[in-house]
Amino acid sequence: MGAIQTWLLNPKFKTDAENIYKAKVETVDFQHKAEEVIDEVNQWVDTTNGLIMSVLPQGSLNSITRLVLANAIYFKGRWVDPFDKSLTKNFRFYLFDNSSFS
């Protein structure tokens, strides 16, 4: 296995991400701890109060991963023209890992 190479972010990107967007920027070890990074990112979504359960599925990062940018947005608004609930139907919803729920 080759030598581990560290990729550095442009310092202005890091500063802007932290100061303007209040983002968390950190260096992680994808080479040896990819699954731990997945767990850490998925723990971050706890800040959504259960609205988002996870961002990254297990196995989605590995030793060739170089950067992860994650974002979560929750919008609760009112439609100008609300949906007529009697015209809606429940359907099966499919996830990235091919699992589904109704």
Protein backbone atom coordinates (compact mmCIF):
# COMPACT_ATOMS: atom_id res chain seq x y z
CA MET A 1 0.00 0.00 0.00
CA GLY A 2 1.33 3.45 -0.91
CA ALA A 3 2.13 6.31 1.41
CA ILE A 4 -0.78 8.24 2.87
CA GLN A 5 -1.25 11.59 1.21
CA THR A 6 -2.85 14.49 3.01
CA TRP A 7 -4.96 16.91 1.02
CA LEU A 8 -5.22 20.39 2.45
CA LEU A 9 -8.17 22.70 1.94
CA ASN A 10 -7.61 26.21 0.73
CA PRO A 11 -7.41 28.26 3.96
CA LYS A 12 -9.93 30.81 2.59
CA PHE A 13 -12.45 28.02 1.93
CA LYS A 14 -12.06 26.80 5.50
CA THR A 15 -12.38 30.32 6.95
CA ASP A 16 -15.40 31.19 4.79
CA ALA A 17 -17.14 27.88 5.54
CA GLU A 18 -16.69 28.36 9.28
CA ASN A 19 -17.37 32.10 9.50
CA ILE A 20 -20.01 32.69 6.84
CA TYR A 21 -21.86 29.37 6.82
CA LYS A 22 -21.12 28.31 10.43
CA ALA A 23 -19.93 24.97 9.04
CA LYS A 24 -17.81 22.40 10.82
CA VAL A 25 -14.55 21.87 8.93
CA GLU A 26 -12.12 19.18 10.00
CA THR A 27 -9.49 16.82 8.71
CA VAL A 28 -10.34 13.12 8.92
CA ASP A 29 -8.64 9.82 8.11
CA PHE A 30 -10.52 8.16 5.23
CA GLN A 31 -7.64 5.73 4.72
CA HIS A 32 -8.08 3.97 8.07
CA LYS A 33 -11.28 5.31 9.64
CA ALA A 34 -13.84 5.70 6.84
CA GLU A 35 -16.61 3.92 8.79
CA GLU A 36 -15.94 6.10 11.85
CA VAL A 37 -16.26 9.20 9.65
CA ILE A 38 -19.63 7.91 8.37
CA ASP A 39 -20.79 7.47 11.97
CA GLU A 40 -19.58 10.96 12.89
CA VAL A 41 -21.39 12.59 9.95
CA ASN A 42 -24.56 10.64 10.73
CA GLN A 43 -24.38 11.72 14.38
CA TRP A 44 -24.27 15.31 13.12
CA VAL A 45 -27.83 14.95 11.78
CA ASP A 46 -29.05 14.66 15.36
CA THR A 47 -29.20 18.45 15.12
CA THR A 48 -32.27 18.04 12.88
CA ASN A 49 -34.35 16.75 15.82
CA GLY A 50 -35.10 13.43 14.12
CA LEU A 51 -36.23 14.93 10.81
CA ILE A 52 -33.21 13.43 9.01
CA MET A 53 -32.01 10.03 10.21
CA SER A 54 -28.70 9.73 8.33
CA VAL A 55 -26.74 11.34 5.53
CA LEU A 56 -24.24 8.67 4.55
CA PRO A 57 -25.01 4.94 4.24
CA GLN A 58 -22.48 2.46 5.63
CA GLY A 59 -19.81 1.70 3.04
CA SER A 60 -20.26 4.99 1.18
CA LEU A 61 -16.77 6.24 2.10
CA ASN A 62 -13.48 4.42 1.65
CA SER A 63 -9.73 4.92 1.26
CA ILE A 64 -10.11 6.76 -2.05
CA THR A 65 -12.54 9.34 -0.62
CA ARG A 66 -10.95 12.77 -0.48
CA LEU A 67 -13.68 15.17 0.62
CA VAL A 68 -17.20 15.10 2.04
CA LEU A 69 -19.48 18.12 1.91
CA ALA A 70 -22.72 17.53 3.78
CA ASN A 71 -25.68 19.79 4.27
CA ALA A 72 -29.13 19.38 5.76
CA ILE A 73 -32.01 21.72 5.18
CA TYR A 74 -35.45 21.54 6.72
CA PHE A 75 -38.13 23.86 5.40
CA LYS A 76 -41.54 24.23 6.94
CA GLY A 77 -43.68 26.65 5.03
CA ARG A 78 -47.18 27.18 3.78
CA TRP A 79 -48.18 26.68 0.16
CA VAL A 80 -49.95 29.56 -1.59
CA ASP A 81 -52.30 26.90 -3.01
CA PRO A 82 -52.41 24.03 -0.47
CA PHE A 83 -52.72 20.42 -1.61
CA ASP A 84 -56.14 18.82 -1.39
CA LYS A 85 -55.40 15.92 0.98
CA SER A 86 -58.19 13.83 -0.55
CA LEU A 87 -56.27 13.84 -3.86
CA THR A 88 -53.04 12.48 -2.36
CA LYS A 89 -52.01 8.82 -2.02
CA ASN A 90 -49.42 6.93 -0.01
CA PHE A 91 -46.79 5.15 -2.10
CA ARG A 92 -43.71 3.14 -1.26
CA PHE A 93 -40.59 5.36 -0.83
CA TYR A 94 -37.24 3.91 -1.91
CA LEU A 95 -33.96 4.76 -0.20
CA PHE A 96 -30.41 4.90 -1.58
CA ASP A 97 -29.68 1.36 -0.33
CA ASN A 98 -32.77 -0.03 -2.15
CA SER A 99 -34.72 -0.50 1.07
CA SER A 100 -38.15 1.09 1.19
CA PHE A 101 -40.99 2.07 3.45
CA SER A 102 -44.58 3.25 3.09
